[in-house]
Each structure stands twice: as C-alpha cells, then as structure tokens.
Amino acid sequence: MARAATTTDAFNAVAEPRRRAILDVLAIGERPVNDLVSALGLAQPQVSKHLRVLREVGLVDVRSDGRRRMYRVNGRSLKPIHDWVRTFEETWTQRFEQLDTVLEELKEREEGDGNDGD
C-alpha cells in the first residue's frame, strides 16, 4: 500500500514531532513565525518548512498583519484526528474504571491488614 504524502494527509503531517510542537504553541493563540522560532528553539527555515506542510493540509491558517504573517490552528481540520482518537476513549474509560476498582480493593485490603494487628 502506498504511503500518503505528508502534504495531503493530516495524520502524516502531525506524525512529525516538530509539527505537533508548532500546533501546541499555536493552540494557545495566533502567532507570527518569529514567535514560533523563539518558542521552539528551531531555525526559522525549519519552522517555515513545517508551517508550509501544516498549511497545505489545512491544519493552520495564515493571514497578513502588516509585514508579518500570523498563523493559527484550524480546529476543523483537526476533527478527523479527534474523531479517530475518540474511538479509543471508551476503551480507556473502561480500563481506568477497572484500575479504580483494583486500587479500591487494594486499599481496603491494606486497611484490613492494618486493623488485624491491634
């Protein structure tokens, strides 16, 4: 099966850790590229390259503000990723509930052991 191009698929685009880091910073709010460079400690060409990929798959939008280009997250484009992750939410919830039950049983057993020595 052929692998989807990074620039056509949101899942492939966010597979790169620096692109996820850019999205993390932009989740706080709109930023110019220089702020992203400072926040991430990456070279400006690298940040610009990753922003181009994120823009091509629609994960970020850009607008001009005088001489600056302001980037922001496009939440609607993240929906397919959110929907995919949400399919696992029920499994995680069930496992956390099972873990809560086990922890409660261990706590009760431990409290019971403490009372035996009185």
Foldseek 3Di string as FASTA:
>chain_A
DDDDDLLADPVSLVVDPLLVVLQVVQVVHKDFLVVSCVVVVDDSVVSVVSVVSCVSNPQWDWDDDDPTIIIHGDVVSCVVVVVVVVVCVVVVVVVVVVVVVVVVVVVVVVVVVVVVVD
